[in-house]
Amino acid sequence: MSHRAQLDRCRPDLSVTSIDRWKFALLCWALLASLGAWTHPAQGGSPVQSWVSSSDMIRRLSAQKPLRFASGKSSAGTVIGVDANQAFQSILGLGSSLEHSTCYNISKLPKARQEAVIESIVDPEKGIGMNLMRICIGTPDFTASPWYSYDDMPAGQTDPEIKHFSIEKDREYVLPILKMALRQNPKLVFFASPWSPPAWMKTNNNLCGGRMDPKHFRSLARYLVKFIEAYEAEGIKIQAITPQNEPDYFPNSYPTCGWSPELQRDFIRDHLGPEFQQSGVAAKIWCFDHNFNFLRFPTTILRDPEAAQYVDGTGFHHYEGKPSAMTTLHKRFPGKHIYFTEGSVFGIEGAGQIIAFLRNWAKSYNAWVTIIDHKSEPNPGPHSCSPTCIVLNSDDLTLKYNFDYYMYGQFMKFIQAGAVRIESNLPSKSLPNVALRNPDGTIVLVVANLKPSKASFDVEWKGSHLTAEIAGHSVATYRWSAP
């Protein structure tokens, strides 16, 4: 048989009898389709995917059997209603930190295993997709190096023109790991914070403790610009900086620096903001970068129009106060963004905390210290360290992935940068949840079951519902396509 004959045999017979048969087939197809529509609404045609992680580690981002929406409202006792017509903040990103201790612990591994662990952290397909990372301007308390800034001078000497600025010490193990992470995920976003400015800029001439000396404001502004320029020359773009990590806590046991709200207001208004403008720096300024319980600090800055014009938003930590403080600040200054910049959370309660941060207007979530070793090292600072989401055994160089790694993944792997939080009700304190609409049109709902026993509930969406069940002390993510 010729090739032409084969093609002809593939064509439908368009005789009258054949056309009648085709009409009958189309009629049957339409009838079946209508029956399907009766059973499932239009948006229910595609399955609802779900993944679960349990604190007993039996389930670790485990895919579950697909679910489908059925027409009509739910009659269940516990219902989570999702409404995309009510939208709130967009999400910049979710992640942790690539501070000095994490970078050092990764650097101890053979090169191939360095790549593998970074992949598990930042790759959105093969890992958990962290896409926003906090880095440090100089050393924090968690480091394997002697504490340093980028412009350390001999005692009694100053460098007001910042002529001795250098990021050379970051080349030992920080910059190589940051660049490796960026190769693994080119969309990775970085923001940065100093634990202390150079000692000579402070009232006590020491990296540890003391307060910022206003007479060095101009030099500090230039110092921060030089950091941004130096890192961008290395191919690492800085999305934003905070002028000071935890400005209201400055013991002399590790790099810290005290700032009053008025000092930071004046610094941003009269020096940092103008310096960014004059230098053409695109990085944004986030003020405060400390606990929920000190709203007077960001309020002092944001209510000054000349200072506020340079401020994109406010960074928060969770060590004191409640997440509702972020909503309070948002209501006072709705044009300014809210970021959660530091605070690891643990266990199933940690999933509830991340949900609370997002439901209180946070555009980001960042844990603190991604990899510590089994001895909680390196950590020359005074603060104890709980086991991180990944723990390195520094004796045999094996890695342990804790529940928190998978719990973070329930959020970070599925909530895309640019997602917008949408309305979802809270039917039960033991079932906190948050819903978001991704840029690709999918809806993501994360639900945590804080109780040890399994929980059943329905999800309502556009006049339809589905029934779901979560094992005790587990967190589940549901994803479906929005029409």
Protein backbone atom coordinates (compact mmCIF):
# COMPACT_ATOMS: atom_id res chain seq x y z
CA MET A 1 0.00 0.00 0.00
CA SER A 2 1.33 3.42 -0.91
CA HIS A 3 1.96 6.18 1.62
CA ARG A 4 -0.85 8.19 -0.07
CA ALA A 5 -3.26 5.26 0.33
CA GLN A 6 -2.37 4.99 4.01
CA LEU A 7 -3.18 8.66 4.46
CA ASP A 8 -6.47 8.26 2.63
CA ARG A 9 -7.46 5.38 4.93
CA CYS A 10 -6.88 7.64 7.90
CA ARG A 11 -9.36 10.20 6.66
CA PRO A 12 -12.99 9.87 7.89
CA ASP A 13 -15.64 8.80 5.34
CA LEU A 14 -17.79 11.85 4.78
CA SER A 15 -20.71 10.06 3.12
CA VAL A 16 -24.23 10.78 4.40
CA THR A 17 -24.31 7.57 6.43
CA SER A 18 -20.98 8.38 8.00
CA ILE A 19 -22.07 11.92 8.87
CA ASP A 20 -25.10 10.53 10.69
CA ARG A 21 -22.82 8.29 12.67
CA TRP A 22 -20.60 11.22 13.52
CA LYS A 23 -23.61 13.23 14.71
CA PHE A 24 -24.67 10.34 16.93
CA ALA A 25 -21.16 10.06 18.37
CA LEU A 26 -21.05 13.78 19.06
CA LEU A 27 -24.45 13.58 20.74
CA CYS A 28 -23.26 10.76 22.99
CA TRP A 29 -20.10 12.68 23.82
CA ALA A 30 -22.12 15.77 24.76
CA LEU A 31 -24.43 13.68 26.96
CA LEU A 32 -21.50 12.11 28.79
CA ALA A 33 -19.86 15.49 29.19
CA SER A 34 -23.04 16.95 30.67
CA LEU A 35 -23.25 14.07 33.13
CA GLY A 36 -19.66 14.75 34.10
CA ALA A 37 -20.45 18.42 34.61
CA TRP A 38 -23.36 17.40 36.85
CA THR A 39 -21.00 15.37 39.00
CA HIS A 40 -18.14 17.89 38.97
CA PRO A 41 -18.16 21.63 38.28
CA ALA A 42 -16.10 23.01 35.41
CA GLN A 43 -13.10 23.74 37.63
CA GLY A 44 -13.37 20.27 39.13
CA GLY A 45 -12.43 18.67 35.83
CA SER A 46 -8.76 18.81 36.80
CA PRO A 47 -7.63 17.00 39.93
CA VAL A 48 -6.65 18.68 43.18
CA GLN A 49 -3.12 17.62 43.96
CA SER A 50 -1.99 17.34 47.56
CA TRP A 51 1.15 16.61 49.56
CA VAL A 52 1.59 15.82 53.26
CA SER A 53 4.40 15.90 55.81
CA SER A 54 3.91 14.41 59.27
CA SER A 55 5.95 15.14 62.37
CA ASP A 56 6.60 11.41 62.81
CA MET A 57 8.38 11.57 59.42
CA ILE A 58 6.26 8.78 57.95
CA ARG A 59 5.14 11.27 55.30
CA ARG A 60 7.71 13.70 53.90
CA LEU A 61 6.26 15.88 51.17
CA SER A 62 4.41 12.74 50.14
CA ALA A 63 2.02 13.03 47.20
CA GLN A 64 -1.51 11.89 48.02
CA LYS A 65 -4.32 10.50 45.90
CA PRO A 66 -5.84 13.30 43.78
CA LEU A 67 -9.09 14.82 44.98
CA ARG A 68 -11.89 16.48 43.01
CA PHE A 69 -14.41 19.17 43.74
CA ALA A 70 -18.09 18.24 43.69
CA SER A 71 -20.89 20.69 42.95
CA GLY A 72 -22.73 22.44 45.72
CA LYS A 73 -22.00 23.72 49.18
CA SER A 74 -20.57 21.51 51.89
CA SER A 75 -22.61 20.15 54.77
CA ALA A 76 -19.51 19.23 56.79
CA GLY A 77 -19.01 20.55 60.29
CA THR A 78 -15.58 22.00 59.50
CA VAL A 79 -15.32 23.99 56.28
CA ILE A 80 -12.46 26.09 54.91
CA GLY A 81 -13.88 28.53 52.40
CA VAL A 82 -11.44 29.93 49.82
CA ASP A 83 -12.31 33.16 48.00
CA ALA A 84 -9.99 34.57 45.33
CA ASN A 85 -12.11 37.72 45.05
CA GLN A 86 -10.58 38.97 48.30
CA ALA A 87 -6.85 39.55 47.82
CA PHE A 88 -4.19 40.78 50.23
CA GLN A 89 -0.37 41.03 49.97
CA SER A 90 1.86 39.54 47.30
CA ILE A 91 4.76 37.28 48.27
CA LEU A 92 8.35 38.33 47.61
CA GLY A 93 9.74 34.94 48.63
CA LEU A 94 10.19 32.29 51.30
CA GLY A 95 13.47 30.91 52.56
CA SER A 96 16.11 30.95 55.27
CA SER A 97 19.64 32.33 55.64
CA LEU A 98 22.96 31.68 54.01
CA GLU A 99 24.83 33.21 56.92
CA HIS A 100 28.42 32.31 57.72
CA SER A 101 27.79 29.14 59.75
CA THR A 102 25.58 27.58 57.08
CA CYS A 103 28.04 28.45 54.33
CA TYR A 104 30.94 27.07 56.37
CA ASN A 105 29.20 23.77 57.08
CA ILE A 106 28.31 23.33 53.41
CA SER A 107 31.90 24.16 52.40
CA LYS A 108 33.20 21.24 54.50
CA LEU A 109 31.53 18.76 52.15
CA PRO A 110 33.09 17.39 48.95
CA LYS A 111 32.16 19.55 45.96
CA ALA A 112 29.54 17.17 44.54
CA ARG A 113 27.80 16.93 47.89
CA GLN A 114 27.89 20.71 48.29
CA GLU A 115 25.95 20.91 45.04
CA ALA A 116 23.53 18.23 46.23
CA VAL A 117 22.68 19.87 49.54
CA ILE A 118 22.25 23.29 47.93
CA GLU A 119 20.00 21.68 45.34
CA SER A 120 17.90 20.23 48.14
CA ILE A 121 17.49 23.73 49.58
CA VAL A 122 16.90 26.02 46.59
CA ASP A 123 15.86 23.88 43.62
CA PRO A 124 12.08 24.21 43.15
CA GLU A 125 11.74 20.74 41.59
CA LYS A 126 14.46 18.58 43.15
CA GLY A 127 14.49 20.41 46.49
CA ILE A 128 12.11 22.51 48.56
CA GLY A 129 12.53 25.66 46.50
CA MET A 130 13.70 28.29 48.97
CA ASN A 131 13.80 31.44 46.84
CA LEU A 132 14.62 34.26 49.29
CA MET A 133 17.80 34.16 51.36
CA ARG A 134 19.14 36.47 54.05
CA ILE A 135 22.87 37.15 54.04
CA CYS A 136 25.09 39.15 56.37
CA ILE A 137 27.03 42.38 55.89
CA GLY A 138 30.16 41.31 57.77
CA THR A 139 29.94 38.55 60.34
CA PRO A 140 26.91 37.70 62.49
CA ASP A 141 27.08 35.79 65.76
CA PHE A 142 26.93 32.49 63.81
CA THR A 143 30.26 32.21 62.01
CA ALA A 144 33.41 30.12 61.74
CA SER A 145 35.56 33.27 61.40
CA PRO A 146 36.80 35.85 63.88
CA TRP A 147 34.26 38.65 63.83
CA TYR A 148 34.90 41.26 61.14
CA SER A 149 33.41 44.13 59.18
CA TYR A 150 34.48 45.23 55.70
CA ASP A 151 36.42 48.25 56.98
CA ASP A 152 38.23 47.27 60.17
CA MET A 153 40.90 49.75 61.24
CA PRO A 154 43.63 49.70 63.91
CA ALA A 155 42.52 51.04 67.30
CA GLY A 156 42.21 54.81 67.27
CA GLN A 157 42.07 55.11 63.45
CA THR A 158 39.07 55.87 61.27
CA ASP A 159 38.33 55.70 57.53
CA PRO A 160 35.59 58.26 56.84
CA GLU A 161 35.96 57.93 53.04
CA ILE A 162 35.77 54.11 53.26
CA LYS A 163 39.01 53.74 51.31
CA HIS A 164 39.92 50.46 53.01
CA PHE A 165 36.63 48.69 52.24
CA SER A 166 37.06 45.03 51.24
CA ILE A 167 34.88 41.92 51.03
CA GLU A 168 37.98 39.72 50.69
CA LYS A 169 37.24 37.72 53.84
CA ASP A 170 33.89 36.63 52.38
CA ARG A 171 35.77 34.80 49.61
CA GLU A 172 36.92 32.06 52.00
CA TYR A 173 33.60 30.20 52.18
CA VAL A 174 30.66 32.64 51.96
CA LEU A 175 30.82 33.92 48.38
CA PRO A 176 31.54 30.48 46.84
CA ILE A 177 28.41 29.03 48.46
CA LEU A 178 26.24 32.02 47.50
CA LYS A 179 27.37 31.72 43.89
CA MET A 180 26.73 27.98 43.91
CA ALA A 181 23.20 28.58 45.23
CA LEU A 182 22.59 31.19 42.54
CA ARG A 183 23.71 28.74 39.84
CA GLN A 184 21.29 26.16 41.21
CA ASN A 185 18.45 28.68 41.27
CA PRO A 186 19.09 31.78 39.11
CA LYS A 187 15.87 33.32 40.45
CA LEU A 188 17.18 33.28 44.02
CA VAL A 189 16.73 36.65 45.76
CA PHE A 190 19.03 37.98 48.50
CA PHE A 191 18.56 40.62 51.18
CA ALA A 192 21.25 41.61 53.66
CA SER A 193 21.71 42.95 57.19
CA PRO A 194 24.72 44.12 59.24
CA TRP A 195 25.14 42.88 62.81
CA SER A 196 27.53 45.76 63.43
CA PRO A 197 29.04 48.59 61.41
CA PRO A 198 32.84 48.96 61.61
CA ALA A 199 33.96 49.44 65.20
CA TRP A 200 35.30 52.94 64.60
CA MET A 201 31.80 54.14 63.70
CA LYS A 202 30.48 53.27 67.17
CA THR A 203 30.51 54.91 70.57
CA ASN A 204 32.58 52.11 72.13
CA ASN A 205 34.98 51.51 69.21
CA ASN A 206 34.16 47.79 69.27
CA LEU A 207 32.23 45.46 66.98
CA CYS A 208 30.44 44.09 70.04
CA GLY A 209 27.91 46.22 71.87
CA GLY A 210 27.86 50.00 71.88
CA ARG A 211 25.72 52.40 69.87
CA MET A 212 25.94 53.96 66.45
CA ASP A 213 27.70 57.34 66.51
CA PRO A 214 25.70 59.82 64.38
CA LYS A 215 28.85 61.66 63.34
CA HIS A 216 29.66 58.65 61.12
CA PHE A 217 26.25 58.46 59.41
CA ARG A 218 27.65 59.64 56.08
CA SER A 219 30.43 57.03 56.20
CA LEU A 220 28.01 54.24 57.10
CA ALA A 221 25.74 55.13 54.18
CA ARG A 222 28.70 54.92 51.84
CA TYR A 223 29.82 51.65 53.47
CA LEU A 224 26.45 50.04 52.76
CA VAL A 225 26.46 51.27 49.17
CA LYS A 226 29.95 49.84 48.69
CA PHE A 227 28.73 46.49 50.00
CA ILE A 228 25.89 46.42 47.47
CA GLU A 229 28.19 47.44 44.64
CA ALA A 230 30.86 44.89 45.62
CA TYR A 231 28.38 42.04 45.79
CA GLU A 232 26.72 42.99 42.54
CA ALA A 233 30.19 43.00 40.95
CA GLU A 234 30.35 39.35 42.06
CA GLY A 235 27.05 38.67 40.31
CA ILE A 236 24.96 38.75 43.49
CA LYS A 237 22.17 41.30 43.28
CA ILE A 238 20.90 42.63 46.60
CA GLN A 239 17.12 43.07 46.70
CA ALA A 240 17.09 45.03 49.97
CA ILE A 241 19.08 45.83 53.08
CA THR A 242 18.17 46.62 56.64
CA PRO A 243 20.39 49.26 58.29
CA GLN A 244 20.85 47.16 61.43
CA ASN A 245 19.93 43.71 62.68
CA GLU A 246 18.00 43.93 65.97
CA PRO A 247 18.78 47.60 66.74
CA ASP A 248 17.23 47.47 70.20
CA TYR A 249 19.43 44.61 71.48
CA PHE A 250 23.14 45.28 71.80
CA PRO A 251 25.02 43.17 74.38
CA ASN A 252 28.81 43.21 74.14
CA SER A 253 29.10 39.43 73.73
CA TYR A 254 28.89 39.40 69.90
CA PRO A 255 28.59 41.91 67.02
CA THR A 256 25.65 44.21 67.80
CA CYS A 257 24.87 47.91 67.65
CA GLY A 258 22.25 49.98 69.42
CA TRP A 259 20.00 52.39 67.53
CA SER A 260 17.09 54.49 68.75
CA PRO A 261 14.08 54.87 66.43
CA GLU A 262 14.97 58.55 66.02
CA LEU A 263 18.57 57.74 65.04
CA GLN A 264 17.50 55.28 62.35
CA ARG A 265 14.88 57.74 61.08
CA ASP A 266 17.50 60.48 60.71
CA PHE A 267 20.03 58.11 59.14
CA ILE A 268 17.58 56.92 56.48
CA ARG A 269 16.15 60.38 55.82
CA ASP A 270 19.34 62.40 55.68
CA HIS A 271 22.00 59.91 54.59
CA LEU A 272 21.12 56.39 53.44
CA GLY A 273 18.15 57.28 51.23
CA PRO A 274 19.91 60.18 49.50
CA GLU A 275 23.11 58.10 49.11
CA PHE A 276 21.15 55.31 47.42
CA GLN A 277 19.60 57.84 45.06
CA GLN A 278 22.85 59.57 44.21
CA SER A 279 24.66 56.28 43.66
CA GLY A 280 21.90 54.78 41.53
CA VAL A 281 21.44 51.86 43.90
CA ALA A 282 18.26 49.90 43.16
CA ALA A 283 18.22 47.94 46.43
CA LYS A 284 15.35 48.76 48.75
CA ILE A 285 15.52 49.86 52.38
CA TRP A 286 13.66 47.90 55.04
CA CYS A 287 13.60 49.57 58.43
CA PHE A 288 13.60 48.13 61.97
CA ASP A 289 14.40 44.36 61.55
CA HIS A 290 13.45 43.41 65.09
CA ASN A 291 10.65 42.06 67.31
CA PHE A 292 6.88 42.43 67.11
CA ASN A 293 6.65 44.16 70.49
CA PHE A 294 8.38 47.45 69.58
CA LEU A 295 6.09 49.10 67.03
CA ARG A 296 7.20 52.54 68.15
CA PHE A 297 10.44 51.97 66.25
CA PRO A 298 9.04 51.58 62.69
CA THR A 299 6.19 53.99 63.47
CA THR A 300 8.71 56.74 64.31
CA ILE A 301 10.33 56.26 60.89
CA LEU A 302 7.24 55.77 58.75
CA ARG A 303 5.30 58.73 60.12
CA ASP A 304 8.10 61.05 58.97
CA PRO A 305 7.29 61.63 55.27
CA GLU A 306 10.84 62.56 54.35
CA ALA A 307 12.23 59.36 55.86
CA ALA A 308 9.33 57.18 54.74
CA GLN A 309 9.82 58.08 51.07
CA TYR A 310 12.99 55.97 51.09
CA VAL A 311 11.53 53.00 53.00
CA ASP A 312 9.95 50.09 51.13
CA GLY A 313 8.81 48.28 54.26
CA THR A 314 9.49 46.96 57.76
CA GLY A 315 11.30 43.79 58.82
CA PHE A 316 10.13 41.77 61.83
CA HIS A 317 11.46 38.99 64.10
CA HIS A 318 9.28 36.83 66.34
CA TYR A 319 11.25 36.50 69.57
CA GLU A 320 8.93 38.84 71.49
CA GLY A 321 5.38 39.97 70.80
CA LYS A 322 2.69 38.59 68.51
CA PRO A 323 2.33 38.43 64.70
CA SER A 324 -0.78 40.62 64.92
CA ALA A 325 1.63 43.56 65.36
CA MET A 326 2.32 43.30 61.61
CA THR A 327 -1.37 43.81 60.86
CA THR A 328 -1.47 46.76 63.26
CA LEU A 329 1.44 48.40 61.43
CA HIS A 330 -0.11 47.62 58.04
CA LYS A 331 -3.32 49.38 59.05
CA ARG A 332 -1.34 52.45 60.13
CA PHE A 333 0.77 52.54 56.97
CA PRO A 334 -1.02 50.51 54.28
CA GLY A 335 1.33 51.75 51.57
CA LYS A 336 4.39 50.19 53.21
CA HIS A 337 5.22 46.51 53.01
CA ILE A 338 5.72 44.00 55.82
CA TYR A 339 8.51 41.40 55.81
CA PHE A 340 9.31 38.60 58.23
CA THR A 341 13.10 38.67 58.14
CA GLU A 342 14.30 36.29 60.89
CA GLY A 343 12.96 33.46 62.99
CA SER A 344 13.21 29.70 62.66
CA VAL A 345 10.10 27.78 63.66
CA PHE A 346 9.94 24.13 64.65
CA GLY A 347 7.58 21.19 64.54
CA ILE A 348 3.93 21.25 63.60
CA GLU A 349 3.49 24.40 65.71
CA GLY A 350 6.02 26.03 63.41
CA ALA A 351 3.72 25.44 60.45
CA GLY A 352 1.01 27.27 62.37
CA GLN A 353 3.42 30.14 62.99
CA ILE A 354 4.31 30.54 59.32
CA ILE A 355 0.61 30.58 58.51
CA ALA A 356 0.12 33.31 61.12
CA PHE A 357 2.94 35.40 59.64
CA LEU A 358 1.44 35.18 56.17
CA ARG A 359 -2.07 35.91 57.41
CA ASN A 360 -0.71 39.05 59.10
CA TRP A 361 0.54 40.67 55.89
CA ALA A 362 4.10 39.33 55.73
CA LYS A 363 5.41 39.33 52.16
CA SER A 364 8.19 36.94 53.14
CA TYR A 365 9.32 34.34 55.63
CA ASN A 366 12.96 33.64 56.50
CA ALA A 367 14.25 31.10 58.98
CA TRP A 368 17.59 31.75 60.68
CA VAL A 369 20.58 29.39 60.18
CA THR A 370 19.88 26.67 57.65
CA ILE A 371 22.60 24.14 58.55
CA ILE A 372 24.30 23.81 61.94
CA ASP A 373 26.33 20.75 62.88
CA HIS A 374 25.43 18.08 65.43
CA LYS A 375 27.40 19.97 68.09
CA SER A 376 25.51 23.21 67.30
CA GLU A 377 28.66 24.64 65.74
CA PRO A 378 30.10 26.91 64.55
CA ASN A 379 28.53 29.33 67.02
CA PRO A 380 30.91 31.64 68.90
CA GLY A 381 28.01 33.84 70.01
CA PRO A 382 26.04 33.59 73.26
CA HIS A 383 22.78 32.22 71.84
CA SER A 384 22.08 28.49 71.96
CA CYS A 385 20.97 26.88 68.72
CA SER A 386 18.26 24.28 68.28
CA PRO A 387 18.85 21.65 65.58
CA THR A 388 18.26 23.33 62.23
CA CYS A 389 16.14 21.95 59.38
CA ILE A 390 19.30 20.25 58.07
CA VAL A 391 22.01 19.11 60.50
CA LEU A 392 25.56 18.21 59.49
CA ASN A 393 27.36 15.48 61.39
CA SER A 394 30.78 17.09 61.37
CA ASP A 395 32.49 13.82 62.31
CA ASP A 396 31.41 11.75 59.31
CA LEU A 397 29.99 14.58 57.11
CA THR A 398 26.56 13.03 56.80
CA LEU A 399 23.43 15.18 56.67
CA LYS A 400 20.19 14.71 58.57
CA TYR A 401 17.01 16.26 57.17
CA ASN A 402 14.63 17.01 60.03
CA PHE A 403 10.84 17.37 59.90
CA ASP A 404 11.23 21.14 59.68
CA TYR A 405 12.88 20.78 56.27
CA TYR A 406 9.81 19.04 54.90
CA MET A 407 7.46 21.35 56.79
CA TYR A 408 9.16 24.36 55.19
CA GLY A 409 8.79 22.62 51.85
CA GLN A 410 5.03 22.41 52.26
CA PHE A 411 5.06 26.19 51.85
CA MET A 412 8.19 27.00 49.86
CA LYS A 413 7.91 24.35 47.17
CA PHE A 414 4.40 25.37 46.16
CA ILE A 415 3.98 29.09 46.92
CA GLN A 416 5.60 30.91 44.02
CA ALA A 417 7.29 34.30 44.14
CA GLY A 418 4.62 36.81 43.21
CA ALA A 419 1.78 34.75 44.67
CA VAL A 420 -1.05 36.76 46.23
CA ARG A 421 -2.66 35.75 49.49
CA ILE A 422 -6.41 35.34 49.14
CA GLU A 423 -9.21 34.94 51.65
CA SER A 424 -9.66 31.70 53.57
CA ASN A 425 -11.56 31.43 56.81
CA LEU A 426 -10.30 29.83 60.03
CA PRO A 427 -12.93 27.32 61.16
CA SER A 428 -10.76 25.85 63.93
CA LYS A 429 -7.75 27.00 65.95
CA SER A 430 -6.28 23.54 65.51
CA LEU A 431 -6.53 23.80 61.70
CA PRO A 432 -4.76 27.04 60.76
CA ASN A 433 -4.56 27.61 57.04
CA VAL A 434 -3.52 30.09 54.39
CA ALA A 435 -4.52 30.32 50.73
CA LEU A 436 -2.71 31.98 47.83
CA ARG A 437 -3.10 32.46 44.08
CA ASN A 438 0.13 31.75 42.19
CA PRO A 439 1.22 33.72 39.11
CA ASP A 440 0.63 30.59 37.00
CA GLY A 441 -3.05 30.64 38.01
CA THR A 442 -2.97 27.76 40.48
CA ILE A 443 -4.50 28.05 43.94
CA VAL A 444 -2.47 26.79 46.89
CA LEU A 445 -4.00 26.03 50.29
CA VAL A 446 -1.73 25.02 53.19
CA VAL A 447 -3.43 23.48 56.22
CA ALA A 448 -1.76 22.38 59.47
CA ASN A 449 -3.33 19.90 61.87
CA LEU A 450 -2.00 20.86 65.31
CA LYS A 451 -3.81 18.03 67.09
CA PRO A 452 -2.43 14.48 67.52
CA SER A 453 -5.61 12.93 66.08
CA LYS A 454 -6.64 13.02 62.42
CA ALA A 455 -8.84 15.86 61.21
CA SER A 456 -11.49 15.92 58.49
CA PHE A 457 -12.73 19.05 56.78
CA ASP A 458 -14.19 20.30 53.53
CA VAL A 459 -12.81 22.98 51.24
CA GLU A 460 -15.32 25.24 49.48
CA TRP A 461 -14.36 26.96 46.26
CA LYS A 462 -16.66 28.74 43.79
CA GLY A 463 -19.83 26.85 44.64
CA SER A 464 -18.15 23.47 44.92
CA HIS A 465 -16.49 21.49 47.66
CA LEU A 466 -14.13 18.64 48.36
CA THR A 467 -13.56 16.51 51.44
CA ALA A 468 -10.06 16.08 52.87
CA GLU A 469 -8.45 14.40 55.85
CA ILE A 470 -5.10 15.09 57.54
CA ALA A 471 -3.32 12.80 59.98
CA GLY A 472 -2.46 14.18 63.39
CA HIS A 473 0.48 16.59 63.70
CA SER A 474 0.75 16.95 59.93
CA VAL A 475 0.73 19.74 57.38
CA ALA A 476 -0.85 19.39 53.94
CA THR A 477 -0.70 21.46 50.78
CA TYR A 478 -3.51 21.42 48.21
CA ARG A 479 -3.10 22.81 44.71
CA TRP A 480 -5.63 23.22 41.92
CA SER A 481 -6.04 25.24 38.75
CA ALA A 482 -8.30 28.26 38.86
CA PRO A 483 -10.52 28.85 35.80
